[in-house]
C-alpha atoms as a PDB file:
ATOM      1  CA  MET A   1      -7.405 -12.485  15.351  1.00  0.00           C
ATOM      2  CA  LYS A   2     -10.390 -14.237  13.784  1.00  0.00           C
ATOM      3  CA  PHE A   3     -13.497 -12.875  12.074  1.00  0.00           C
ATOM      4  CA  THR A   4     -16.761 -14.653  11.271  1.00  0.00           C
ATOM      5  CA  ASN A   5     -19.127 -12.071   9.790  1.00  0.00           C
ATOM      6  CA  VAL A   6     -16.880  -9.588   7.928  1.00  0.00           C
ATOM      7  CA  CYS A   7     -16.763  -9.174   4.146  1.00  0.00           C
ATOM      8  CA  ILE A   8     -15.026  -6.944   1.640  1.00  0.00           C
ATOM      9  CA  GLU A   9     -18.161  -6.000  -0.275  1.00  0.00           C
ATOM     10  CA  SER A  10     -16.393  -4.037  -3.013  1.00  0.00           C
ATOM     11  CA  LEU A  11     -12.926  -2.808  -3.943  1.00  0.00           C
ATOM     12  CA  ALA A  12     -11.887  -0.090  -6.402  1.00  0.00           C
ATOM     13  CA  VAL A  13      -8.719   1.635  -7.596  1.00  0.00           C
ATOM     14  CA  ALA A  14      -8.039   5.116  -8.976  1.00  0.00           C
ATOM     15  CA  LEU A  15      -4.773   5.638 -10.864  1.00  0.00           C
ATOM     16  CA  PRO A  16      -3.107   8.789 -12.268  1.00  0.00           C
ATOM     17  CA  GLU A  17      -2.746   9.105 -16.016  1.00  0.00           C
ATOM     18  CA  GLU A  18       0.804  10.505 -15.953  1.00  0.00           C
ATOM     19  CA  ILE A  19       3.440   7.767 -16.371  1.00  0.00           C
ATOM     20  CA  TRP A  20       7.086   8.097 -15.384  1.00  0.00           C
ATOM     21  CA  THR A  21       9.302   5.329 -16.742  1.00  0.00           C
ATOM     22  CA  SER A  22      12.499   4.311 -15.013  1.00  0.00           C
ATOM     23  CA  ALA A  23      14.336   5.371 -18.175  1.00  0.00           C
ATOM     24  CA  GLN A  24      12.829   8.876 -17.917  1.00  0.00           C
ATOM     25  CA  ILE A  25      13.873   9.164 -14.275  1.00  0.00           C
ATOM     26  CA  GLU A  26      17.415   8.160 -15.175  1.00  0.00           C
ATOM     27  CA  GLU A  27      17.440  10.752 -17.951  1.00  0.00           C
ATOM     28  CA  ARG A  28      16.564  13.413 -15.368  1.00  0.00           C
ATOM     29  CA  LEU A  29      19.512  12.110 -13.328  1.00  0.00           C
ATOM     30  CA  ARG A  30      21.942  12.335 -16.247  1.00  0.00           C
ATOM     31  CA  PRO A  31      24.223  14.846 -14.429  1.00  0.00           C
ATOM     32  CA  LEU A  32      24.591  12.376 -11.538  1.00  0.00           C
ATOM     33  CA  TYR A  33      25.026   9.360 -13.804  1.00  0.00           C
ATOM     34  CA  ASP A  34      27.667  11.120 -15.882  1.00  0.00           C
ATOM     35  CA  ARG A  35      29.583  12.385 -12.833  1.00  0.00           C
ATOM     36  CA  LEU A  36      29.643   9.011 -11.059  1.00  0.00           C
ATOM     37  CA  LYS A  37      29.830   6.955 -14.281  1.00  0.00           C
ATOM     38  CA  LEU A  38      26.735   4.947 -13.359  1.00  0.00           C
ATOM     39  CA  PRO A  39      25.372   2.444 -15.908  1.00  0.00           C
ATOM     40  CA  VAL A  40      22.090   3.487 -17.505  1.00  0.00           C
ATOM     41  CA  GLY A  41      19.299   0.990 -16.893  1.00  0.00           C
ATOM     42  CA  ARG A  42      20.322   0.082 -13.337  1.00  0.00           C
ATOM     43  CA  LEU A  43      17.062   1.362 -11.791  1.00  0.00           C
ATOM     44  CA  GLU A  44      14.849  -1.058 -13.708  1.00  0.00           C
ATOM     45  CA  LEU A  45      17.431  -3.845 -13.587  1.00  0.00           C
ATOM     46  CA  MET A  46      17.748  -3.739  -9.792  1.00  0.00           C
ATOM     47  CA  THR A  47      14.044  -3.291  -8.986  1.00  0.00           C
ATOM     48  CA  GLY A  48      12.057  -4.764 -11.874  1.00  0.00           C
ATOM     49  CA  ILE A  49      10.075  -1.500 -12.001  1.00  0.00           C
ATOM     50  CA  ARG A  50       9.576  -0.268 -15.584  1.00  0.00           C
ATOM     51  CA  GLU A  51       7.283   2.626 -14.729  1.00  0.00           C
ATOM     52  CA  ARG A  52       5.162   4.247 -12.075  1.00  0.00           C
ATOM     53  CA  ARG A  53       2.347   6.829 -12.142  1.00  0.00           C
ATOM     54  CA  MET A  54       2.133  10.329 -10.691  1.00  0.00           C
ATOM     55  CA  TRP A  55      -0.762  12.626  -9.868  1.00  0.00           C
ATOM     56  CA  PRO A  56      -0.632  16.136 -11.363  1.00  0.00           C
ATOM     57  CA  ALA A  57       1.339  18.664  -9.336  1.00  0.00           C
ATOM     58  CA  GLY A  58      -0.814  20.108  -6.550  1.00  0.00           C
ATOM     59  CA  THR A  59      -2.964  16.989  -6.083  1.00  0.00           C
ATOM     60  CA  ARG A  60      -3.858  16.427  -2.439  1.00  0.00           C
ATOM     61  CA  PRO A  61      -3.982  12.917  -0.949  1.00  0.00           C
ATOM     62  CA  SER A  62      -7.646  13.567  -0.126  1.00  0.00           C
ATOM     63  CA  ASP A  63      -8.313  14.206  -3.840  1.00  0.00           C
ATOM     64  CA  ALA A  64      -6.859  10.799  -4.682  1.00  0.00           C
ATOM     65  CA  SER A  65      -8.691   9.056  -1.841  1.00  0.00           C
ATOM     66  CA  ALA A  66     -11.971  10.704  -2.809  1.00  0.00           C
ATOM     67  CA  ALA A  67     -11.590   9.488  -6.411  1.00  0.00           C
ATOM     68  CA  ALA A  68     -11.203   5.914  -5.154  1.00  0.00           C
ATOM     69  CA  GLY A  69     -14.057   6.373  -2.679  1.00  0.00           C
ATOM     70  CA  ARG A  70     -16.436   7.508  -5.406  1.00  0.00           C
ATOM     71  CA  ALA A  71     -15.288   4.603  -7.582  1.00  0.00           C
ATOM     72  CA  VAL A  72     -15.977   2.004  -4.901  1.00  0.00           C
ATOM     73  CA  LEU A  73     -19.454   3.429  -4.248  1.00  0.00           C
ATOM     74  CA  ALA A  74     -20.176   3.124  -7.974  1.00  0.00           C
ATOM     75  CA  LYS A  75     -19.351  -0.607  -7.748  1.00  0.00           C
ATOM     76  CA  SER A  76     -21.090  -1.256  -4.439  1.00  0.00           C
ATOM     77  CA  ALA A  77     -24.655  -2.398  -3.840  1.00  0.00           C
ATOM     78  CA  LEU A  78     -24.575  -0.305  -0.648  1.00  0.00           C
ATOM     79  CA  THR A  79     -25.070   3.452  -0.493  1.00  0.00           C
ATOM     80  CA  ALA A  80     -23.025   6.308   0.927  1.00  0.00           C
ATOM     81  CA  GLY A  81     -25.678   6.757   3.616  1.00  0.00           C
ATOM     82  CA  GLN A  82     -24.963   3.290   5.011  1.00  0.00           C
ATOM     83  CA  VAL A  83     -21.294   4.070   5.760  1.00  0.00           C
ATOM     84  CA  GLU A  84     -20.878   4.301   9.543  1.00  0.00           C
ATOM     85  CA  LEU A  85     -17.065   4.392   9.695  1.00  0.00           C
ATOM     86  CA  PHE A  86     -14.657   6.158   7.333  1.00  0.00           C
ATOM     87  CA  ILE A  87     -10.870   5.733   7.564  1.00  0.00           C
ATOM     88  CA  HIS A  88      -8.170   7.447   5.516  1.00  0.00           C
ATOM     89  CA  ALA A  89      -5.263   4.995   5.718  1.00  0.00           C
ATOM     90  CA  ALA A  90      -2.421   6.456   3.650  1.00  0.00           C
ATOM     91  CA  VAL A  91       1.129   7.551   4.416  1.00  0.00           C
ATOM     92  CA  SER A  92       0.338  10.764   2.527  1.00  0.00           C
ATOM     93  CA  ARG A  93      -1.741  13.406   4.291  1.00  0.00           C
ATOM     94  CA  ASP A  94      -3.064  16.813   3.305  1.00  0.00           C
ATOM     95  CA  MET A  95      -1.699  18.330   6.521  1.00  0.00           C
ATOM     96  CA  LEU A  96      -1.136  17.475  10.171  1.00  0.00           C
ATOM     97  CA  GLU A  97      -4.510  18.831  11.290  1.00  0.00           C
ATOM     98  CA  PRO A  98      -7.327  18.160  10.665  1.00  0.00           C
ATOM     99  CA  ALA A  99      -7.348  14.506   9.671  1.00  0.00           C
ATOM    100  CA  THR A 100      -7.170  13.969   5.920  1.00  0.00           C
ATOM    101  CA  ALA A 101     -10.282  11.838   6.398  1.00  0.00           C
ATOM    102  CA  SER A 102     -12.158  15.115   7.020  1.00  0.00           C
ATOM    103  CA  PHE A 103     -11.396  16.416   3.532  1.00  0.00           C
ATOM    104  CA  ALA A 104     -11.956  13.090   1.761  1.00  0.00           C
ATOM    105  CA  HIS A 105     -15.222  12.524   3.667  1.00  0.00           C
ATOM    106  CA  ARG A 106     -16.587  15.831   2.372  1.00  0.00           C
ATOM    107  CA  LYS A 107     -15.369  15.255  -1.198  1.00  0.00           C
ATOM    108  CA  ILE A 108     -16.970  11.804  -1.381  1.00  0.00           C
ATOM    109  CA  GLY A 109     -20.231  13.001   0.170  1.00  0.00           C
ATOM    110  CA  LEU A 110     -20.464  10.623   3.119  1.00  0.00           C
ATOM    111  CA  PRO A 111     -22.992  11.132   5.927  1.00  0.00           C
ATOM    112  CA  ALA A 112     -22.369  13.264   9.005  1.00  0.00           C
ATOM    113  CA  THR A 113     -23.241  10.232  11.142  1.00  0.00           C
ATOM    114  CA  ALA A 114     -20.087   8.376  10.050  1.00  0.00           C
ATOM    115  CA  GLN A 115     -17.211   8.241  12.506  1.00  0.00           C
ATOM    116  CA  ILE A 116     -14.035   9.391  10.706  1.00  0.00           C
ATOM    117  CA  PHE A 117     -10.307   9.322  11.404  1.00  0.00           C
ATOM    118  CA  ASP A 118      -6.868   8.670   9.904  1.00  0.00           C
ATOM    119  CA  VAL A 119      -4.751   5.554  10.424  1.00  0.00           C
ATOM    120  CA  SER A 120      -1.053   5.946   9.688  1.00  0.00           C
ATOM    121  CA  ASN A 121       1.381   3.032   9.824  1.00  0.00           C
ATOM    122  CA  ALA A 122       3.668   3.345   6.806  1.00  0.00           C
ATOM    123  CA  CYS A 123       2.688   0.829   4.118  1.00  0.00           C
ATOM    124  CA  LEU A 124       0.466  -1.184   6.493  1.00  0.00           C
ATOM    125  CA  GLY A 125      -2.173   1.494   7.115  1.00  0.00           C
ATOM    126  CA  PHE A 126      -4.807  -0.017   4.839  1.00  0.00           C
ATOM    127  CA  LEU A 127      -4.481  -3.526   6.278  1.00  0.00           C
ATOM    128  CA  ASN A 128      -4.508  -2.152   9.827  1.00  0.00           C
ATOM    129  CA  SER A 129      -7.695  -0.287   8.971  1.00  0.00           C
ATOM    130  CA  LEU A 130      -9.289  -3.494   7.686  1.00  0.00           C
ATOM    131  CA  THR A 131      -8.745  -5.094  11.093  1.00  0.00           C
ATOM    132  CA  ILE A 132     -10.102  -2.031  12.931  1.00  0.00           C
ATOM    133  CA  ALA A 133     -13.247  -1.964  10.800  1.00  0.00           C
ATOM    134  CA  ALA A 134     -13.610  -5.749  11.020  1.00  0.00           C
ATOM    135  CA  SER A 135     -13.403  -5.686  14.814  1.00  0.00           C
ATOM    136  CA  MET A 136     -16.112  -3.015  15.009  1.00  0.00           C
ATOM    137  CA  ILE A 137     -18.321  -4.968  12.595  1.00  0.00           C
ATOM    138  CA  GLU A 138     -17.772  -8.248  14.441  1.00  0.00           C
ATOM    139  CA  ALA A 139     -18.724  -6.522  17.706  1.00  0.00           C
ATOM    140  CA  GLU A 140     -21.867  -5.176  15.958  1.00  0.00           C
ATOM    141  CA  HIS A 141     -20.908  -1.579  16.719  1.00  0.00           C
ATOM    142  CA  ILE A 142     -21.247  -0.789  13.012  1.00  0.00           C
ATOM    143  CA  GLY A 143     -22.525  -2.568   9.929  1.00  0.00           C
ATOM    144  CA  CYS A 144     -20.560  -0.867   7.152  1.00  0.00           C
ATOM    145  CA  ALA A 145     -17.232   0.950   6.755  1.00  0.00           C
ATOM    146  CA  MET A 146     -15.311   2.584   3.942  1.00  0.00           C
ATOM    147  CA  ILE A 147     -11.514   2.526   3.932  1.00  0.00           C
ATOM    148  CA  VAL A 148      -9.559   4.690   1.504  1.00  0.00           C
ATOM    149  CA  ALA A 149      -5.907   5.440   0.824  1.00  0.00           C
ATOM    150  CA  GLY A 150      -4.527   8.021  -1.570  1.00  0.00           C
ATOM    151  CA  GLU A 151      -0.753   8.119  -1.977  1.00  0.00           C
ATOM    152  CA  ASN A 152       1.034  10.955  -3.758  1.00  0.00           C
ATOM    153  CA  GLY A 153       4.669  10.051  -4.375  1.00  0.00           C
ATOM    154  CA  ARG A 154       5.413  13.011  -6.640  1.00  0.00           C
ATOM    155  CA  PRO A 155       6.752  15.408  -3.942  1.00  0.00           C
ATOM    156  CA  LEU A 156       9.145  12.745  -2.646  1.00  0.00           C
ATOM    157  CA  VAL A 157      10.479  11.720  -6.055  1.00  0.00           C
ATOM    158  CA  GLU A 158      10.818  15.338  -7.224  1.00  0.00           C
ATOM    159  CA  GLN A 159      12.774  16.292  -4.097  1.00  0.00           C
ATOM    160  CA  THR A 160      14.964  13.209  -4.444  1.00  0.00           C
ATOM    161  CA  LEU A 161      15.836  14.134  -8.027  1.00  0.00           C
ATOM    162  CA  ARG A 162      16.800  17.647  -6.916  1.00  0.00           C
ATOM    163  CA  THR A 163      18.925  16.323  -4.058  1.00  0.00           C
ATOM    164  CA  LEU A 164      20.762  13.801  -6.213  1.00  0.00           C
ATOM    165  CA  ASN A 165      21.509  16.331  -8.949  1.00  0.00           C
ATOM    166  CA  GLU A 166      22.406  19.299  -6.758  1.00  0.00           C
ATOM    167  CA  ARG A 167      24.512  17.742  -3.997  1.00  0.00           C
ATOM    168  CA  PRO A 168      28.051  16.370  -4.611  1.00  0.00           C
ATOM    169  CA  LEU A 169      27.206  12.883  -3.351  1.00  0.00           C
ATOM    170  CA  THR A 170      29.429   9.830  -3.731  1.00  0.00           C
ATOM    171  CA  ARG A 171      28.286   6.385  -4.863  1.00  0.00           C
ATOM    172  CA  ASN A 172      27.899   5.295  -1.236  1.00  0.00           C
ATOM    173  CA  GLU A 173      26.062   8.486  -0.292  1.00  0.00           C
ATOM    174  CA  ILE A 174      23.377   8.038  -2.956  1.00  0.00           C
ATOM    175  CA  LYS A 175      22.351   4.584  -1.662  1.00  0.00           C
ATOM    176  CA  PRO A 176      19.899   5.819   1.026  1.00  0.00           C
ATOM    177  CA  TYR A 177      17.993   7.736  -1.689  1.00  0.00           C
ATOM    178  CA  PHE A 178      17.664   4.864  -4.161  1.00  0.00           C
ATOM    179  CA  ALA A 179      14.435   3.416  -2.722  1.00  0.00           C
ATOM    180  CA  ASN A 180      12.725   6.797  -3.226  1.00  0.00           C
ATOM    181  CA  LEU A 181      12.986   6.343  -6.994  1.00  0.00           C
ATOM    182  CA  THR A 182      10.737   3.253  -6.828  1.00  0.00           C
ATOM    183  CA  ILE A 183       7.812   5.217  -5.376  1.00  0.00           C
ATOM    184  CA  GLY A 184       4.609   5.740  -7.368  1.00  0.00           C
ATOM    185  CA  SER A 185       1.152   7.204  -6.800  1.00  0.00           C
ATOM    186  CA  GLY A 186      -2.340   5.743  -6.683  1.00  0.00           C
ATOM    187  CA  ALA A 187      -5.492   5.332  -4.642  1.00  0.00           C
ATOM    188  CA  VAL A 188      -7.702   2.477  -3.467  1.00  0.00           C
ATOM    189  CA  ALA A 189     -10.956   2.107  -1.537  1.00  0.00           C
ATOM    190  CA  ALA A 190     -12.911  -0.754  -0.001  1.00  0.00           C
ATOM    191  CA  ILE A 191     -16.411  -1.164   1.383  1.00  0.00           C
ATOM    192  CA  VAL A 192     -16.204  -3.528   4.372  1.00  0.00           C
ATOM    193  CA  CYS A 193     -19.433  -4.734   5.944  1.00  0.00           C
ATOM    194  CA  HIS A 194     -21.314  -7.362   7.906  1.00  0.00           C
ATOM    195  CA  SER A 195     -22.018 -10.461   5.836  1.00  0.00           C
ATOM    196  CA  SER A 196     -25.776  -9.905   6.243  1.00  0.00           C
ATOM    197  CA  LEU A 197     -25.474  -6.785   4.044  1.00  0.00           C
ATOM    198  CA  VAL A 198     -23.830  -8.600   1.112  1.00  0.00           C
ATOM    199  CA  SER A 199     -26.153  -9.341  -1.793  1.00  0.00           C
ATOM    200  CA  GLY A 200     -23.677 -11.089  -4.097  1.00  0.00           C
ATOM    201  CA  GLN A 201     -20.649 -13.342  -3.620  1.00  0.00           C
ATOM    202  CA  PRO A 202     -19.301 -12.807  -0.081  1.00  0.00           C
ATOM    203  CA  HIS A 203     -15.568 -12.080   0.107  1.00  0.00           C
ATOM    204  CA  ARG A 204     -14.874 -13.059   3.706  1.00  0.00           C
ATOM    205  CA  LEU A 205     -12.088 -11.636   5.850  1.00  0.00           C
ATOM    206  CA  LEU A 206     -11.092 -14.628   7.977  1.00  0.00           C
ATOM    207  CA  GLY A 207      -8.477 -13.132  10.293  1.00  0.00           C
ATOM    208  CA  GLY A 208      -4.746 -12.810  10.623  1.00  0.00           C
ATOM    209  CA  MET A 209      -1.648 -12.185  12.685  1.00  0.00           C
ATOM    210  CA  ALA A 210       0.556  -9.150  13.392  1.00  0.00           C
ATOM    211  CA  ARG A 211       4.106  -8.751  14.710  1.00  0.00           C
ATOM    212  CA  ALA A 212       6.447  -5.809  15.252  1.00  0.00           C
ATOM    213  CA  ALA A 213      10.229  -5.423  15.254  1.00  0.00           C
ATOM    214  CA  THR A 214      10.606  -1.798  16.271  1.00  0.00           C
ATOM    215  CA  GLN A 215      14.338  -2.149  16.924  1.00  0.00           C
ATOM    216  CA  HIS A 216      14.573  -1.540  13.160  1.00  0.00           C
ATOM    217  CA  SER A 217      12.580   1.708  13.151  1.00  0.00           C
ATOM    218  CA  GLU A 218      15.585   3.734  11.971  1.00  0.00           C
ATOM    219  CA  LEU A 219      16.069   1.793   8.713  1.00  0.00           C
ATOM    220  CA  CYS A 220      13.516   3.808   6.712  1.00  0.00           C
ATOM    221  CA  GLN A 221      12.562   7.314   7.808  1.00  0.00           C
ATOM    222  CA  GLY A 222      10.640  10.001   5.931  1.00  0.00           C
ATOM    223  CA  ASP A 223       9.454  13.469   6.833  1.00  0.00           C
ATOM    224  CA  THR A 224       8.323  16.772   5.399  1.00  0.00           C
ATOM    225  CA  TYR A 225      10.913  18.854   3.559  1.00  0.00           C
ATOM    226  CA  GLY A 226       9.891  22.478   3.351  1.00  0.00           C
ATOM    227  CA  ALA A 227       6.315  23.476   2.624  1.00  0.00           C
ATOM    228  CA  GLU A 228       5.426  21.084  -0.205  1.00  0.00           C
ATOM    229  CA  SER A 229       8.176  18.449  -0.415  1.00  0.00           C
ATOM    230  CA  LEU A 230       9.047  15.178   1.278  1.00  0.00           C
ATOM    231  CA  ALA A 231      12.363  13.527   2.082  1.00  0.00           C
ATOM    232  CA  MET A 232      13.175   9.918   2.916  1.00  0.00           C
ATOM    233  CA  GLN A 233      16.292   7.818   3.441  1.00  0.00           C
ATOM    234  CA  THR A 234      16.356   4.015   3.515  1.00  0.00           C
ATOM    235  CA  ASP A 235      18.990   1.416   4.301  1.00  0.00           C
ATOM    236  CA  SER A 236      17.563  -0.876   1.651  1.00  0.00           C
ATOM    237  CA  GLU A 237      19.798  -3.880   2.261  1.00  0.00           C
ATOM    238  CA  ALA A 238      19.313  -3.907   6.036  1.00  0.00           C
ATOM    239  CA  LEU A 239      15.569  -3.252   5.630  1.00  0.00           C
ATOM    240  CA  LEU A 240      15.216  -6.215   3.277  1.00  0.00           C
ATOM    241  CA  LEU A 241      17.023  -8.566   5.666  1.00  0.00           C
ATOM    242  CA  ALA A 242      15.109  -7.391   8.750  1.00  0.00           C
ATOM    243  CA  GLY A 243      11.824  -7.382   6.846  1.00  0.00           C
ATOM    244  CA  VAL A 244      11.988 -10.966   5.643  1.00  0.00           C
ATOM    245  CA  THR A 245      13.134 -12.106   9.098  1.00  0.00           C
ATOM    246  CA  LEU A 246      10.058 -10.472  10.638  1.00  0.00           C
ATOM    247  CA  ALA A 247       7.875 -11.921   7.866  1.00  0.00           C
ATOM    248  CA  LYS A 248       9.159 -15.429   8.651  1.00  0.00           C
ATOM    249  CA  GLU A 249       8.232 -15.004  12.336  1.00  0.00           C
ATOM    250  CA  THR A 250       4.786 -13.642  11.426  1.00  0.00           C
ATOM    251  CA  TRP A 251       4.220 -16.415   8.884  1.00  0.00           C
ATOM    252  CA  ARG A 252       4.907 -19.032  11.557  1.00  0.00           C
ATOM    253  CA  ASP A 253       2.196 -17.552  13.794  1.00  0.00           C
ATOM    254  CA  PHE A 254      -0.160 -16.889  10.878  1.00  0.00           C
ATOM    255  CA  THR A 255      -0.060 -20.461   9.591  1.00  0.00           C
ATOM    256  CA  ALA A 256      -0.550 -21.835  13.106  1.00  0.00           C
ATOM    257  CA  GLU A 257      -3.824 -19.910  13.342  1.00  0.00           C
ATOM    258  CA  GLN A 258      -5.061 -19.679   9.747  1.00  0.00           C
ATOM    259  CA  GLY A 259      -3.190 -22.424   7.883  1.00  0.00           C
ATOM    260  CA  GLY A 260      -0.805 -21.750   5.024  1.00  0.00           C
ATOM    261  CA  GLU A 261      -2.713 -23.159   2.057  1.00  0.00           C
ATOM    262  CA  CYS A 262      -3.636 -20.325  -0.314  1.00  0.00           C
ATOM    263  CA  ALA A 263      -4.485 -20.255  -4.001  1.00  0.00           C
ATOM    264  CA  ARG A 264      -2.887 -16.810  -4.314  1.00  0.00           C
ATOM    265  CA  PHE A 265      -0.617 -14.517  -2.319  1.00  0.00           C
ATOM    266  CA  ILE A 266      -0.716 -10.731  -2.546  1.00  0.00           C
ATOM    267  CA  CYS A 267       2.283  -8.991  -1.008  1.00  0.00           C
ATOM    268  CA  HIS A 268       3.337  -5.420  -0.413  1.00  0.00           C
ATOM    269  CA  GLN A 269       4.839  -4.233  -3.718  1.00  0.00           C
ATOM    270  CA  VAL A 270       8.497  -3.222  -3.278  1.00  0.00           C
ATOM    271  CA  GLY A 271      10.351  -4.776  -6.202  1.00  0.00           C
ATOM    272  CA  SER A 272      11.737  -7.971  -7.684  1.00  0.00           C
ATOM    273  CA  ALA A 273      14.540  -8.531  -5.149  1.00  0.00           C
ATOM    274  CA  HIS A 274      12.205  -8.188  -2.170  1.00  0.00           C
ATOM    275  CA  ARG A 275       9.625 -10.530  -3.723  1.00  0.00           C
ATOM    276  CA  ARG A 276      12.207 -13.203  -4.544  1.00  0.00           C
ATOM    277  CA  ARG A 277      13.788 -13.097  -1.081  1.00  0.00           C
ATOM    278  CA  LEU A 278      10.408 -13.165   0.690  1.00  0.00           C
ATOM    279  CA  TYR A 279       9.117 -16.184  -1.226  1.00  0.00           C
ATOM    280  CA  GLU A 280      12.398 -18.057  -0.740  1.00  0.00           C
ATOM    281  CA  THR A 281      12.428 -17.325   2.994  1.00  0.00           C
ATOM    282  CA  LEU A 282       8.807 -18.409   3.536  1.00  0.00           C
ATOM    283  CA  GLY A 283       9.137 -21.410   1.220  1.00  0.00           C
ATOM    284  CA  LEU A 284       6.229 -20.282  -0.965  1.00  0.00           C
ATOM    285  CA  ASP A 285       5.561 -21.016  -4.633  1.00  0.00           C
ATOM    286  CA  LEU A 286       6.365 -17.874  -6.644  1.00  0.00           C
ATOM    287  CA  ALA A 287       3.781 -18.990  -9.217  1.00  0.00           C
ATOM    288  CA  LYS A 288       1.089 -18.074  -6.658  1.00  0.00           C
ATOM    289  CA  ASP A 289       2.260 -14.451  -6.560  1.00  0.00           C
ATOM    290  CA  PHE A 290       0.508 -11.593  -8.344  1.00  0.00           C
ATOM    291  CA  SER A 291       2.439  -8.363  -8.743  1.00  0.00           C
ATOM    292  CA  THR A 292       1.927  -4.799  -9.960  1.00  0.00           C
ATOM    293  CA  PHE A 293       5.243  -3.205  -8.997  1.00  0.00           C
ATOM    294  CA  GLU A 294       6.463  -3.539 -12.586  1.00  0.00           C
ATOM    295  CA  THR A 295       4.051  -0.824 -13.763  1.00  0.00           C
ATOM    296  CA  LEU A 296       2.991   0.937 -10.549  1.00  0.00           C
ATOM    297  CA  GLY A 297       6.136   0.894  -8.414  1.00  0.00           C
ATOM    298  CA  ASN A 298       5.753   1.049  -4.640  1.00  0.00           C
ATOM    299  CA  THR A 299       2.548   2.957  -3.856  1.00  0.00           C
ATOM    300  CA  GLY A 300       2.789   2.710  -0.071  1.00  0.00           C
ATOM    301  CA  SER A 301      -0.407   1.701   1.708  1.00  0.00           C
ATOM    302  CA  VAL A 302      -2.198   1.515  -1.665  1.00  0.00           C
ATOM    303  CA  ALA A 303       0.120  -1.148  -3.063  1.00  0.00           C
ATOM    304  CA  LEU A 304      -1.264  -4.354  -1.564  1.00  0.00           C
ATOM    305  CA  PRO A 305      -5.021  -3.681  -1.806  1.00  0.00           C
ATOM    306  CA  ALA A 306      -4.633  -2.213  -5.314  1.00  0.00           C
ATOM    307  CA  THR A 307      -2.768  -5.360  -6.354  1.00  0.00           C
ATOM    308  CA  LEU A 308      -5.574  -7.485  -4.913  1.00  0.00           C
ATOM    309  CA  ALA A 309      -8.043  -5.486  -7.012  1.00  0.00           C
ATOM    310  CA  ALA A 310      -5.877  -5.984 -10.116  1.00  0.00           C
ATOM    311  CA  ALA A 311      -5.636  -9.721  -9.448  1.00  0.00           C
ATOM    312  CA  VAL A 312      -9.434  -9.976  -9.172  1.00  0.00           C
ATOM    313  CA  ASP A 313      -9.932  -8.002 -12.385  1.00  0.00           C
ATOM    314  CA  ALA A 314      -7.392 -10.215 -14.192  1.00  0.00           C
ATOM    315  CA  GLY A 315      -9.140 -13.413 -13.041  1.00  0.00           C
ATOM    316  CA  ALA A 316      -6.094 -14.443 -11.006  1.00  0.00           C
ATOM    317  CA  VAL A 317      -8.280 -14.449  -7.879  1.00  0.00           C
ATOM    318  CA  ARG A 318     -11.560 -16.294  -8.387  1.00  0.00           C
ATOM    319  CA  PRO A 319     -14.653 -16.773  -6.218  1.00  0.00           C
ATOM    320  CA  GLY A 320     -13.919 -19.202  -3.405  1.00  0.00           C
ATOM    321  CA  ASP A 321     -10.135 -18.781  -3.588  1.00  0.00           C
ATOM    322  CA  ARG A 322      -8.268 -18.497  -0.327  1.00  0.00           C
ATOM    323  CA  VAL A 323      -5.941 -15.496  -0.541  1.00  0.00           C
ATOM    324  CA  GLY A 324      -3.058 -14.561   1.754  1.00  0.00           C
ATOM    325  CA  LEU A 325      -2.360 -10.842   2.165  1.00  0.00           C
ATOM    326  CA  LEU A 326       1.246 -10.478   3.306  1.00  0.00           C
ATOM    327  CA  GLY A 327       1.862  -6.909   4.405  1.00  0.00           C
ATOM    328  CA  ILE A 328       4.983  -5.295   5.803  1.00  0.00           C
ATOM    329  CA  GLY A 329       5.921  -1.701   6.498  1.00  0.00           C
ATOM    330  CA  SER A 330       8.789   0.300   7.895  1.00  0.00           C
ATOM    331  CA  GLY A 331       8.814   0.500  11.623  1.00  0.00           C
ATOM    332  CA  LEU A 332       9.104  -2.536  11.250  1.00  0.00           C
ATOM    333  CA  ASN A 333       5.598  -4.005  11.293  1.00  0.00           C
ATOM    334  CA  CYS A 334       4.109  -7.061   9.633  1.00  0.00           C
ATOM    335  CA  LEU A 335       0.443  -7.988   9.225  1.00  0.00           C
ATOM    336  CA  MET A 336      -0.794 -11.061   7.396  1.00  0.00           C
ATOM    337  CA  LEU A 337      -4.488 -11.567   6.669  1.00  0.00           C
ATOM    338  CA  ALA A 338      -6.487 -14.427   5.152  1.00  0.00           C
ATOM    339  CA  LEU A 339      -9.410 -13.902   2.758  1.00  0.00           C
ATOM    340  CA  GLU A 340     -11.899 -16.319   1.257  1.00  0.00           C
ATOM    341  CA  TRP A 341     -12.756 -14.602  -1.994  1.00  0.00           C
END
C-alpha cells in the first residue's frame, strides 16, 4: 500500500498516574514465590520492564481514549468539527455493544456528522486504523480522522494475580500467565488528515505492508472472565519464534516496496527479549530503536504509537526523519508502515 497525501497532523498520549513496579507485583505474588521457591527479581530480569501504569479501578477504556482525544485536539491546529471519521482502536472495550467509539465520541465532543466505529486486532488495531483512515483520505472520501486507543490492563493483571496465588499451579503451569504480568495501561490519539489541511511540518504516512500467519492464532488468547475481569494465556516462547518469523517475511516485502533505510524504528513494546530477537532476525541496528517498555510495559494497541510520541518528544525523531513502524499482534498479524516525519 502507498499513500501520497496523508499526514499525521498531531499525536498525543494520556497516561495513568498510578505506577506498579515489577518488584511490587512480585511482592503481591509472595505466596506463589515462596511455595515454588522462585527467585525474586525474575520478572524485571526476564522482560526488562521495571514498571507499568494502571488506571484507577472502574476506569472505562472510553474514559482513557477520551482523555487522549481531548489531548490531541489541544495540540492540533484542526478543530473537533473537522473530524469526519472517528475510530476506537484498542483491545479494551467498554462492552460488546455498542461500539466503544460511541462512548468516547460523546466524551470528546465530536460532531454527529463523523462516521464512528471500533477496530479490534489485538496490538495492531491502531496501525490498522491508520491505514483505514489513510485509504479514505487518499480516496478523498474524508479530509480528517481521529484515531484513539485506550487500554486498561488492570482487570487482566488483577485477575492474574488472584489466579496465581489461589490455584495450586506448578512451575510449568504458571508459564502461560507470565506475559500477563508485563501488561500496562495507557491511551493515545492521532489526528490524521489530507496534506492540504496541514499548516506546519507535514508528517507523511508513506505506506506499508501487512502479512498474516493465522495458523498461530492459538498462541495468545484472551477473553472476559466474569463481569469485570479478563483472562489471558500465552505460549510466550512459541509466540516469540512465530512472531519474528512472520516479521522477517513482512520485512522482506516491506523493504521491496518502501526500502529499508530508516533513521529510527519504533516497534510494538513487548520486552527486552522480543526486541533483541527481532532486531537480530531483521539485521537491524539496535541503536536505531526507541523503547518505552521499561517504564510502560506492554500497553497493547497503545504501545507503538505512544512510543512514537515519546520518541518525538525526546528529540529521537526529528523533522524529515524516515521512521519505520514495525507492528505485530497475536493472531498472528504483522503490519509495517513507513513515515517521513
